[in-house]
């Protein structure tokens, strides 16, 4: 097992220095609004592309970033984009960086580029007078780390980042790892802690549902547990319009207590939702139902 881990670390190290430059048309921004909830309007990070689009400057913007092995049309956006549009009249911009995301090791090496191009796109928006106060960035897996990189390079403060099961492999000593300084509030959910997902807390607020390692009903299917990060997030959004239960986290004294479900504090905080969090910190856990709706309230 240790040999396998060493080989994996070596592969990651090699890839980190041998990524390829993504061309100007290989990172595409797909704009969804209530006027076009299913068919996106593809945009490039240029003034001409944005000026000729149906981007709503008076509305809030949700930026979504997929992980490796995915594209804009994957399950992540299939859950998150409709949830936001159902709950709010917003711009949803789904970033497609799939040409550089097919293999994990090379996807890892391309993440800094992805974050930089997203920042470039947002900086063009600010040149038009759009406020970064209206932006939320939501990333899953590698996309969660890209969210942090983008926020650091945006001209202005990003109020809220949602990191959905941020990736573990290659990030323990990575200088660009998602961290709590990347936005006013960095909110993270861990659903495969220590396996696919990063184990230790990364944000201002870190949630460990069902202990954070294996999700109820997934058994040994780690990929299943990973998907629950965005399934829970989407439900936290739609619950606001269908009067559903919320994912109410209980504060934990430590990361270890969260993993072992030994959290009994009266300090509570809700995961996800449409509202931009302006305060809160700590480690939290919550239990879920085995099937949808998952939130217990």
C-alpha atoms as a PDB file:
ATOM      1  CA  UNK A   1       0.000   0.000   0.000  1.00  0.00           C
ATOM      2  CA  UNK A   2       2.836   2.414   0.873  1.00  0.00           C
ATOM      3  CA  UNK A   3       4.452   1.712  -2.517  1.00  0.00           C
ATOM      4  CA  UNK A   4       1.193   2.553  -4.300  1.00  0.00           C
ATOM      5  CA  UNK A   5       0.933   5.791  -2.357  1.00  0.00           C
ATOM      6  CA  UNK A   6       4.512   6.715  -3.256  1.00  0.00           C
ATOM      7  CA  UNK A   7       3.844   6.053  -6.932  1.00  0.00           C
ATOM      8  CA  UNK A   8       0.704   8.194  -6.794  1.00  0.00           C
ATOM      9  CA  UNK A   9       2.560  11.044  -5.102  1.00  0.00           C
ATOM     10  CA  UNK A  10       5.320  10.808  -7.729  1.00  0.00           C
ATOM     11  CA  UNK A  11       2.789  10.918 -10.553  1.00  0.00           C
ATOM     12  CA  UNK A  12       1.148  13.969  -9.023  1.00  0.00           C
ATOM     13  CA  UNK A  13       4.505  15.707  -8.610  1.00  0.00           C
ATOM     14  CA  UNK A  14       5.434  15.022 -12.237  1.00  0.00           C
ATOM     15  CA  UNK A  15       2.058  16.218 -13.508  1.00  0.00           C
ATOM     16  CA  UNK A  16       2.240  19.374 -11.419  1.00  0.00           C
ATOM     17  CA  UNK A  17       5.181  20.493 -13.507  1.00  0.00           C
ATOM     18  CA  UNK A  18       4.014  19.044 -16.819  1.00  0.00           C
ATOM     19  CA  UNK A  19       0.547  20.397 -17.372  1.00  0.00           C
ATOM     20  CA  UNK A  20      -0.351  22.008 -20.692  1.00  0.00           C
ATOM     21  CA  UNK A  21      -1.503  25.511 -21.429  1.00  0.00           C
ATOM     22  CA  UNK A  22      -5.230  25.678 -21.994  1.00  0.00           C
ATOM     23  CA  UNK A  23      -5.996  27.739 -25.079  1.00  0.00           C
ATOM     24  CA  UNK A  24      -8.269  30.822 -25.110  1.00  0.00           C
ATOM     25  CA  UNK A  25     -11.261  28.763 -26.250  1.00  0.00           C
ATOM     26  CA  UNK A  26     -10.694  25.787 -23.951  1.00  0.00           C
ATOM     27  CA  UNK A  27     -12.165  27.385 -20.834  1.00  0.00           C
ATOM     28  CA  UNK A  28     -15.728  28.393 -21.655  1.00  0.00           C
ATOM     29  CA  UNK A  29     -18.223  30.186 -19.420  1.00  0.00           C
ATOM     30  CA  UNK A  30     -21.778  28.939 -19.879  1.00  0.00           C
ATOM     31  CA  UNK A  31     -24.376  31.522 -18.864  1.00  0.00           C
ATOM     32  CA  UNK A  32     -27.752  30.314 -17.597  1.00  0.00           C
ATOM     33  CA  UNK A  33     -30.600  32.587 -16.523  1.00  0.00           C
ATOM     34  CA  UNK A  34     -34.308  32.135 -16.018  1.00  0.00           C
ATOM     35  CA  UNK A  35     -34.700  33.149 -19.665  1.00  0.00           C
ATOM     36  CA  UNK A  36     -32.433  30.281 -20.766  1.00  0.00           C
ATOM     37  CA  UNK A  37     -32.463  27.747 -17.921  1.00  0.00           C
ATOM     38  CA  UNK A  38     -31.583  24.709 -20.054  1.00  0.00           C
ATOM     39  CA  UNK A  39     -29.666  25.975 -23.094  1.00  0.00           C
ATOM     40  CA  UNK A  40     -26.603  27.935 -22.059  1.00  0.00           C
ATOM     41  CA  UNK A  41     -25.104  30.970 -23.735  1.00  0.00           C
ATOM     42  CA  UNK A  42     -21.362  30.245 -24.110  1.00  0.00           C
ATOM     43  CA  UNK A  43     -19.061  33.155 -23.251  1.00  0.00           C
ATOM     44  CA  UNK A  44     -15.332  33.765 -23.396  1.00  0.00           C
ATOM     45  CA  UNK A  45     -13.338  35.994 -21.018  1.00  0.00           C
ATOM     46  CA  UNK A  46     -13.467  39.016 -23.321  1.00  0.00           C
ATOM     47  CA  UNK A  47     -15.294  42.325 -23.231  1.00  0.00           C
ATOM     48  CA  UNK A  48     -16.949  41.712 -26.594  1.00  0.00           C
ATOM     49  CA  UNK A  49     -18.290  38.319 -25.561  1.00  0.00           C
ATOM     50  CA  UNK A  50     -19.715  39.582 -22.271  1.00  0.00           C
ATOM     51  CA  UNK A  51     -21.123  42.833 -23.708  1.00  0.00           C
ATOM     52  CA  UNK A  52     -23.075  40.913 -26.359  1.00  0.00           C
ATOM     53  CA  UNK A  53     -24.501  38.421 -23.879  1.00  0.00           C
ATOM     54  CA  UNK A  54     -27.689  38.375 -21.824  1.00  0.00           C
ATOM     55  CA  UNK A  55     -25.724  38.716 -18.570  1.00  0.00           C
ATOM     56  CA  UNK A  56     -27.911  40.604 -16.080  1.00  0.00           C
ATOM     57  CA  UNK A  57     -25.807  43.273 -14.389  1.00  0.00           C
ATOM     58  CA  UNK A  58     -28.463  43.966 -11.766  1.00  0.00           C
ATOM     59  CA  UNK A  59     -28.580  40.341 -10.596  1.00  0.00           C
ATOM     60  CA  UNK A  60     -26.436  38.175  -8.356  1.00  0.00           C
ATOM     61  CA  UNK A  61     -24.040  35.713 -10.021  1.00  0.00           C
ATOM     62  CA  UNK A  62     -23.285  32.124  -9.050  1.00  0.00           C
ATOM     63  CA  UNK A  63     -20.111  30.691 -10.602  1.00  0.00           C
ATOM     64  CA  UNK A  64     -19.853  26.884 -10.648  1.00  0.00           C
ATOM     65  CA  UNK A  65     -16.623  24.946 -11.256  1.00  0.00           C
ATOM     66  CA  UNK A  66     -16.636  21.200 -11.986  1.00  0.00           C
ATOM     67  CA  UNK A  67     -13.910  18.707 -11.058  1.00  0.00           C
ATOM     68  CA  UNK A  68     -11.759  16.286 -13.065  1.00  0.00           C
ATOM     69  CA  UNK A  69     -13.460  13.818 -15.390  1.00  0.00           C
ATOM     70  CA  UNK A  70     -16.446  16.137 -15.730  1.00  0.00           C
ATOM     71  CA  UNK A  71     -17.744  18.826 -18.054  1.00  0.00           C
ATOM     72  CA  UNK A  72     -20.339  21.561 -17.918  1.00  0.00           C
ATOM     73  CA  UNK A  73     -23.018  18.970 -18.730  1.00  0.00           C
ATOM     74  CA  UNK A  74     -22.185  16.651 -15.841  1.00  0.00           C
ATOM     75  CA  UNK A  75     -24.199  15.729 -12.761  1.00  0.00           C
ATOM     76  CA  UNK A  76     -22.730  18.546 -10.657  1.00  0.00           C
ATOM     77  CA  UNK A  77     -24.281  21.297 -12.786  1.00  0.00           C
ATOM     78  CA  UNK A  78     -27.381  19.179 -13.415  1.00  0.00           C
ATOM     79  CA  UNK A  79     -28.107  19.539  -9.687  1.00  0.00           C
ATOM     80  CA  UNK A  80     -26.732  22.970  -8.876  1.00  0.00           C
ATOM     81  CA  UNK A  81     -27.766  25.128 -11.849  1.00  0.00           C
ATOM     82  CA  UNK A  82     -31.525  24.315 -11.773  1.00  0.00           C
ATOM     83  CA  UNK A  83     -31.567  24.608  -7.977  1.00  0.00           C
ATOM     84  CA  UNK A  84     -30.248  28.160  -8.035  1.00  0.00           C
ATOM     85  CA  UNK A  85     -32.460  29.266 -10.915  1.00  0.00           C
ATOM     86  CA  UNK A  86     -35.538  27.821  -9.204  1.00  0.00           C
ATOM     87  CA  UNK A  87     -34.771  29.675  -5.977  1.00  0.00           C
ATOM     88  CA  UNK A  88     -33.429  32.967  -7.345  1.00  0.00           C
ATOM     89  CA  UNK A  89     -33.455  35.211 -10.398  1.00  0.00           C
ATOM     90  CA  UNK A  90     -29.686  35.096 -10.867  1.00  0.00           C
ATOM     91  CA  UNK A  91     -26.947  34.623 -13.409  1.00  0.00           C
ATOM     92  CA  UNK A  92     -25.433  31.164 -13.165  1.00  0.00           C
ATOM     93  CA  UNK A  93     -22.096  30.855 -14.930  1.00  0.00           C
ATOM     94  CA  UNK A  94     -20.920  27.258 -15.236  1.00  0.00           C
ATOM     95  CA  UNK A  95     -17.223  27.058 -16.057  1.00  0.00           C
ATOM     96  CA  UNK A  96     -16.279  24.323 -18.529  1.00  0.00           C
ATOM     97  CA  UNK A  97     -12.590  23.414 -18.404  1.00  0.00           C
ATOM     98  CA  UNK A  98     -13.084  19.807 -19.545  1.00  0.00           C
ATOM     99  CA  UNK A  99     -10.259  19.855 -22.165  1.00  0.00           C
ATOM    100  CA  UNK A 100      -7.820  19.999 -19.261  1.00  0.00           C
ATOM    101  CA  UNK A 101      -9.763  17.859 -16.812  1.00  0.00           C
ATOM    102  CA  UNK A 102      -9.811  14.334 -18.222  1.00  0.00           C
ATOM    103  CA  UNK A 103      -7.058  12.742 -16.079  1.00  0.00           C
ATOM    104  CA  UNK A 104      -6.682  13.664 -12.413  1.00  0.00           C
ATOM    105  CA  UNK A 105      -2.941  14.336 -12.408  1.00  0.00           C
ATOM    106  CA  UNK A 106      -3.074  16.676 -15.394  1.00  0.00           C
ATOM    107  CA  UNK A 107      -6.294  18.250 -14.160  1.00  0.00           C
ATOM    108  CA  UNK A 108      -4.484  18.999 -10.909  1.00  0.00           C
ATOM    109  CA  UNK A 109      -1.691  20.785 -12.754  1.00  0.00           C
ATOM    110  CA  UNK A 110      -4.207  22.855 -14.744  1.00  0.00           C
ATOM    111  CA  UNK A 111      -6.143  24.167 -11.754  1.00  0.00           C
ATOM    112  CA  UNK A 112      -4.042  27.365 -11.335  1.00  0.00           C
ATOM    113  CA  UNK A 113      -4.772  28.239 -14.979  1.00  0.00           C
ATOM    114  CA  UNK A 114      -8.482  27.642 -14.456  1.00  0.00           C
ATOM    115  CA  UNK A 115      -8.541  29.912 -11.405  1.00  0.00           C
ATOM    116  CA  UNK A 116      -6.625  32.624 -13.234  1.00  0.00           C
ATOM    117  CA  UNK A 117      -8.984  32.626 -16.222  1.00  0.00           C
ATOM    118  CA  UNK A 118     -12.047  32.758 -13.967  1.00  0.00           C
ATOM    119  CA  UNK A 119     -10.524  35.759 -12.198  1.00  0.00           C
ATOM    120  CA  UNK A 120      -9.871  37.366 -15.584  1.00  0.00           C
ATOM    121  CA  UNK A 121     -13.532  36.872 -16.510  1.00  0.00           C
ATOM    122  CA  UNK A 122     -14.785  38.404 -13.261  1.00  0.00           C
ATOM    123  CA  UNK A 123     -12.359  41.323 -13.534  1.00  0.00           C
ATOM    124  CA  UNK A 124     -13.869  42.139 -16.914  1.00  0.00           C
ATOM    125  CA  UNK A 125     -17.290  42.201 -15.240  1.00  0.00           C
ATOM    126  CA  UNK A 126     -15.974  44.656 -12.654  1.00  0.00           C
ATOM    127  CA  UNK A 127     -14.715  46.878 -15.470  1.00  0.00           C
ATOM    128  CA  UNK A 128     -18.380  47.223 -16.441  1.00  0.00           C
ATOM    129  CA  UNK A 129     -19.213  48.346 -12.899  1.00  0.00           C
ATOM    130  CA  UNK A 130     -20.363  44.949 -11.631  1.00  0.00           C
ATOM    131  CA  UNK A 131     -19.675  44.513  -7.919  1.00  0.00           C
ATOM    132  CA  UNK A 132     -17.867  41.448  -6.608  1.00  0.00           C
ATOM    133  CA  UNK A 133     -20.247  41.671  -3.639  1.00  0.00           C
ATOM    134  CA  UNK A 134     -22.774  39.952  -5.927  1.00  0.00           C
ATOM    135  CA  UNK A 135     -20.641  36.875  -6.579  1.00  0.00           C
ATOM    136  CA  UNK A 136     -20.678  33.400  -5.044  1.00  0.00           C
ATOM    137  CA  UNK A 137     -18.258  30.732  -6.265  1.00  0.00           C
ATOM    138  CA  UNK A 138     -19.208  27.071  -5.892  1.00  0.00           C
ATOM    139  CA  UNK A 139     -16.619  24.412  -6.729  1.00  0.00           C
ATOM    140  CA  UNK A 140     -16.576  20.635  -6.364  1.00  0.00           C
ATOM    141  CA  UNK A 141     -13.454  18.477  -5.958  1.00  0.00           C
ATOM    142  CA  UNK A 142     -10.603  20.170  -7.819  1.00  0.00           C
ATOM    143  CA  UNK A 143     -13.058  22.943  -8.663  1.00  0.00           C
ATOM    144  CA  UNK A 144     -13.187  23.901  -4.983  1.00  0.00           C
ATOM    145  CA  UNK A 145      -9.478  24.729  -5.029  1.00  0.00           C
ATOM    146  CA  UNK A 146      -9.914  26.599  -8.319  1.00  0.00           C
ATOM    147  CA  UNK A 147     -12.557  28.700  -6.569  1.00  0.00           C
ATOM    148  CA  UNK A 148     -10.012  29.814  -3.991  1.00  0.00           C
ATOM    149  CA  UNK A 149      -7.370  30.611  -6.615  1.00  0.00           C
ATOM    150  CA  UNK A 150      -9.884  32.658  -8.605  1.00  0.00           C
ATOM    151  CA  UNK A 151     -11.055  34.601  -5.565  1.00  0.00           C
ATOM    152  CA  UNK A 152      -7.473  35.576  -4.656  1.00  0.00           C
ATOM    153  CA  UNK A 153      -6.930  37.071  -8.100  1.00  0.00           C
ATOM    154  CA  UNK A 154     -10.240  38.871  -8.442  1.00  0.00           C
ATOM    155  CA  UNK A 155     -10.078  42.651  -8.090  1.00  0.00           C
ATOM    156  CA  UNK A 156     -12.341  42.963  -5.070  1.00  0.00           C
ATOM    157  CA  UNK A 157     -13.503  40.765  -2.226  1.00  0.00           C
ATOM    158  CA  UNK A 158     -15.614  37.690  -2.909  1.00  0.00           C
ATOM    159  CA  UNK A 159     -18.196  37.370  -0.126  1.00  0.00           C
ATOM    160  CA  UNK A 160     -18.809  33.630  -0.177  1.00  0.00           C
ATOM    161  CA  UNK A 161     -17.137  30.474  -1.491  1.00  0.00           C
ATOM    162  CA  UNK A 162     -18.757  27.048  -1.205  1.00  0.00           C
ATOM    163  CA  UNK A 163     -16.231  24.198  -1.390  1.00  0.00           C
ATOM    164  CA  UNK A 164     -17.903  20.857  -2.077  1.00  0.00           C
ATOM    165  CA  UNK A 165     -15.699  17.952  -0.964  1.00  0.00           C
ATOM    166  CA  UNK A 166     -12.422  19.621  -2.036  1.00  0.00           C
ATOM    167  CA  UNK A 167      -9.884  17.174  -3.465  1.00  0.00           C
ATOM    168  CA  UNK A 168      -7.208  15.661  -1.233  1.00  0.00           C
ATOM    169  CA  UNK A 169      -4.552  14.107  -3.499  1.00  0.00           C
ATOM    170  CA  UNK A 170      -1.830  16.603  -4.365  1.00  0.00           C
ATOM    171  CA  UNK A 171      -3.102  19.331  -2.039  1.00  0.00           C
ATOM    172  CA  UNK A 172      -1.563  18.588   1.360  1.00  0.00           C
ATOM    173  CA  UNK A 173       1.416  20.864   0.629  1.00  0.00           C
ATOM    174  CA  UNK A 174       0.051  22.688  -2.411  1.00  0.00           C
ATOM    175  CA  UNK A 175       0.566  26.469  -2.188  1.00  0.00           C
ATOM    176  CA  UNK A 176      -2.788  27.191  -3.856  1.00  0.00           C
ATOM    177  CA  UNK A 177      -4.957  25.069  -1.568  1.00  0.00           C
ATOM    178  CA  UNK A 178      -8.391  26.482  -0.716  1.00  0.00           C
ATOM    179  CA  UNK A 179      -8.241  28.358   2.585  1.00  0.00           C
ATOM    180  CA  UNK A 180     -10.379  30.584   4.776  1.00  0.00           C
ATOM    181  CA  UNK A 181      -8.655  33.766   3.619  1.00  0.00           C
ATOM    182  CA  UNK A 182      -9.907  33.380   0.044  1.00  0.00           C
ATOM    183  CA  UNK A 183     -13.303  35.009   0.690  1.00  0.00           C
ATOM    184  CA  UNK A 184     -15.178  36.754   3.469  1.00  0.00           C
ATOM    185  CA  UNK A 185     -16.686  33.357   4.306  1.00  0.00           C
ATOM    186  CA  UNK A 186     -15.351  30.074   2.983  1.00  0.00           C
ATOM    187  CA  UNK A 187     -17.831  27.269   3.628  1.00  0.00           C
ATOM    188  CA  UNK A 188     -16.745  23.673   3.064  1.00  0.00           C
ATOM    189  CA  UNK A 189     -18.520  20.325   3.162  1.00  0.00           C
ATOM    190  CA  UNK A 190     -16.520  17.077   3.446  1.00  0.00           C
ATOM    191  CA  UNK A 191     -18.281  13.907   2.269  1.00  0.00           C
ATOM    192  CA  UNK A 192     -15.296  11.614   1.529  1.00  0.00           C
ATOM    193  CA  UNK A 193     -12.851  12.943   4.103  1.00  0.00           C
ATOM    194  CA  UNK A 194      -9.422  11.373   3.750  1.00  0.00           C
ATOM    195  CA  UNK A 195     -10.361   9.354   0.647  1.00  0.00           C
ATOM    196  CA  UNK A 196     -11.307  11.509  -2.362  1.00  0.00           C
ATOM    197  CA  UNK A 197     -11.876  14.599  -0.302  1.00  0.00           C
ATOM    198  CA  UNK A 198      -9.614  16.697   1.884  1.00  0.00           C
ATOM    199  CA  UNK A 199      -9.724  15.544   5.472  1.00  0.00           C
ATOM    200  CA  UNK A 200      -8.841  18.484   7.711  1.00  0.00           C
ATOM    201  CA  UNK A 201     -10.828  21.737   7.943  1.00  0.00           C
ATOM    202  CA  UNK A 202     -10.084  24.245   5.184  1.00  0.00           C
ATOM    203  CA  UNK A 203     -12.577  27.064   5.578  1.00  0.00           C
ATOM    204  CA  UNK A 204     -14.183  29.337   8.111  1.00  0.00           C
ATOM    205  CA  UNK A 205     -16.993  26.792   8.427  1.00  0.00           C
ATOM    206  CA  UNK A 206     -16.450  23.080   7.758  1.00  0.00           C
ATOM    207  CA  UNK A 207     -19.275  20.540   7.719  1.00  0.00           C
ATOM    208  CA  UNK A 208     -18.809  16.771   8.137  1.00  0.00           C
ATOM    209  CA  UNK A 209     -22.200  15.162   7.334  1.00  0.00           C
ATOM    210  CA  UNK A 210     -22.604  11.672   8.796  1.00  0.00           C
ATOM    211  CA  UNK A 211     -19.011  11.894  10.010  1.00  0.00           C
ATOM    212  CA  UNK A 212     -17.687  13.176   6.686  1.00  0.00           C
ATOM    213  CA  UNK A 213     -16.149   9.954   5.340  1.00  0.00           C
ATOM    214  CA  UNK A 214     -18.985   7.718   4.050  1.00  0.00           C
ATOM    215  CA  UNK A 215     -22.488   8.918   3.313  1.00  0.00           C
ATOM    216  CA  UNK A 216     -25.572   6.987   4.356  1.00  0.00           C
ATOM    217  CA  UNK A 217     -26.670   4.535   1.708  1.00  0.00           C
ATOM    218  CA  UNK A 218     -23.422   4.625  -0.301  1.00  0.00           C
ATOM    219  CA  UNK A 219     -21.665   1.677   1.324  1.00  0.00           C
ATOM    220  CA  UNK A 220     -18.142   1.355  -0.068  1.00  0.00           C
ATOM    221  CA  UNK A 221     -18.866   3.428  -3.196  1.00  0.00           C
ATOM    222  CA  UNK A 222     -16.684   6.460  -2.564  1.00  0.00           C
ATOM    223  CA  UNK A 223     -17.834   8.153  -5.765  1.00  0.00           C
ATOM    224  CA  UNK A 224     -21.389   7.960  -4.422  1.00  0.00           C
ATOM    225  CA  UNK A 225     -20.400   9.706  -1.200  1.00  0.00           C
ATOM    226  CA  UNK A 226     -18.558  12.350  -3.212  1.00  0.00           C
ATOM    227  CA  UNK A 227     -21.662  13.206  -5.250  1.00  0.00           C
ATOM    228  CA  UNK A 228     -23.619  13.798  -2.073  1.00  0.00           C
ATOM    229  CA  UNK A 229     -21.612  16.981  -1.511  1.00  0.00           C
ATOM    230  CA  UNK A 230     -23.462  18.697  -4.355  1.00  0.00           C
ATOM    231  CA  UNK A 231     -26.694  16.741  -3.830  1.00  0.00           C
ATOM    232  CA  UNK A 232     -26.891  18.129  -0.278  1.00  0.00           C
ATOM    233  CA  UNK A 233     -25.960  21.595  -1.515  1.00  0.00           C
ATOM    234  CA  UNK A 234     -28.669  21.591  -4.202  1.00  0.00           C
ATOM    235  CA  UNK A 235     -31.239  20.437  -1.648  1.00  0.00           C
ATOM    236  CA  UNK A 236     -30.197  23.242   0.716  1.00  0.00           C
ATOM    237  CA  UNK A 237     -31.134  25.688  -2.069  1.00  0.00           C
ATOM    238  CA  UNK A 238     -34.432  24.139  -3.176  1.00  0.00           C
ATOM    239  CA  UNK A 239     -35.555  23.562   0.423  1.00  0.00           C
ATOM    240  CA  UNK A 240     -36.065  27.320   0.698  1.00  0.00           C
ATOM    241  CA  UNK A 241     -38.796  27.307  -1.938  1.00  0.00           C
ATOM    242  CA  UNK A 242     -40.541  24.053  -1.025  1.00  0.00           C
ATOM    243  CA  UNK A 243     -40.550  24.590   2.737  1.00  0.00           C
ATOM    244  CA  UNK A 244     -38.183  21.671   3.255  1.00  0.00           C
ATOM    245  CA  UNK A 245     -35.910  20.904   6.168  1.00  0.00           C
ATOM    246  CA  UNK A 246     -32.485  22.487   6.365  1.00  0.00           C
ATOM    247  CA  UNK A 247     -29.128  20.877   7.070  1.00  0.00           C
ATOM    248  CA  UNK A 248     -28.543  22.144  10.593  1.00  0.00           C
ATOM    249  CA  UNK A 249     -25.014  21.495  11.811  1.00  0.00           C
ATOM    250  CA  UNK A 250     -24.000  20.951  15.424  1.00  0.00           C
ATOM    251  CA  UNK A 251     -20.695  22.466  16.513  1.00  0.00           C
ATOM    252  CA  UNK A 252     -17.834  20.094  17.319  1.00  0.00           C
ATOM    253  CA  UNK A 253     -14.875  20.680  19.583  1.00  0.00           C
ATOM    254  CA  UNK A 254     -12.502  19.043  17.121  1.00  0.00           C
ATOM    255  CA  UNK A 255     -12.169  17.426  13.713  1.00  0.00           C
ATOM    256  CA  UNK A 256     -11.882  14.039  15.425  1.00  0.00           C
ATOM    257  CA  UNK A 257     -15.184  14.612  17.240  1.00  0.00           C
ATOM    258  CA  UNK A 258     -16.853  15.381  13.913  1.00  0.00           C
ATOM    259  CA  UNK A 259     -15.604  12.129  12.384  1.00  0.00           C
ATOM    260  CA  UNK A 260     -16.850  10.086  15.322  1.00  0.00           C
ATOM    261  CA  UNK A 261     -20.129  12.035  15.635  1.00  0.00           C
ATOM    262  CA  UNK A 262     -19.321  13.126  19.198  1.00  0.00           C
ATOM    263  CA  UNK A 263     -20.774  16.620  18.852  1.00  0.00           C
ATOM    264  CA  UNK A 264     -23.420  17.765  21.327  1.00  0.00           C
ATOM    265  CA  UNK A 265     -23.027  21.560  21.429  1.00  0.00           C
ATOM    266  CA  UNK A 266     -25.980  23.917  21.397  1.00  0.00           C
ATOM    267  CA  UNK A 267     -24.123  26.016  18.816  1.00  0.00           C
ATOM    268  CA  UNK A 268     -25.845  25.459  15.461  1.00  0.00           C
ATOM    269  CA  UNK A 269     -25.320  26.696  11.907  1.00  0.00           C
ATOM    270  CA  UNK A 270     -27.053  25.812   8.643  1.00  0.00           C
ATOM    271  CA  UNK A 271     -25.209  24.451   5.633  1.00  0.00           C
ATOM    272  CA  UNK A 272     -25.671  26.017   2.203  1.00  0.00           C
ATOM    273  CA  UNK A 273     -28.783  27.935   1.257  1.00  0.00           C
ATOM    274  CA  UNK A 274     -29.097  31.034  -0.908  1.00  0.00           C
ATOM    275  CA  UNK A 275     -28.173  33.622   1.694  1.00  0.00           C
ATOM    276  CA  UNK A 276     -24.615  34.891   1.767  1.00  0.00           C
ATOM    277  CA  UNK A 277     -23.140  34.084   5.150  1.00  0.00           C
ATOM    278  CA  UNK A 278     -21.415  37.017   6.807  1.00  0.00           C
ATOM    279  CA  UNK A 279     -20.217  35.323   9.975  1.00  0.00           C
ATOM    280  CA  UNK A 280     -19.594  31.951  11.550  1.00  0.00           C
ATOM    281  CA  UNK A 281     -16.646  29.690  12.166  1.00  0.00           C
ATOM    282  CA  UNK A 282     -15.830  26.222  13.371  1.00  0.00           C
ATOM    283  CA  UNK A 283     -16.352  22.538  12.665  1.00  0.00           C
ATOM    284  CA  UNK A 284     -19.874  21.107  12.405  1.00  0.00           C
ATOM    285  CA  UNK A 285     -21.574  17.791  11.741  1.00  0.00           C
ATOM    286  CA  UNK A 286     -25.106  16.790  10.810  1.00  0.00           C
ATOM    287  CA  UNK A 287     -26.944  13.546  10.118  1.00  0.00           C
ATOM    288  CA  UNK A 288     -29.040  12.914   7.018  1.00  0.00           C
ATOM    289  CA  UNK A 289     -31.851  10.672   5.900  1.00  0.00           C
ATOM    290  CA  UNK A 290     -30.980   7.679   3.715  1.00  0.00           C
ATOM    291  CA  UNK A 291     -33.022   9.052   0.788  1.00  0.00           C
ATOM    292  CA  UNK A 292     -34.290  12.393  -0.496  1.00  0.00           C
ATOM    293  CA  UNK A 293     -35.191  14.681   1.147  1.00  0.00           C
ATOM    294  CA  UNK A 294     -31.938  14.216   3.056  1.00  0.00           C
ATOM    295  CA  UNK A 295     -32.107  17.132   5.505  1.00  0.00           C
ATOM    296  CA  UNK A 296     -33.534  16.431   8.937  1.00  0.00           C
ATOM    297  CA  UNK A 297     -33.806  20.021  10.115  1.00  0.00           C
END
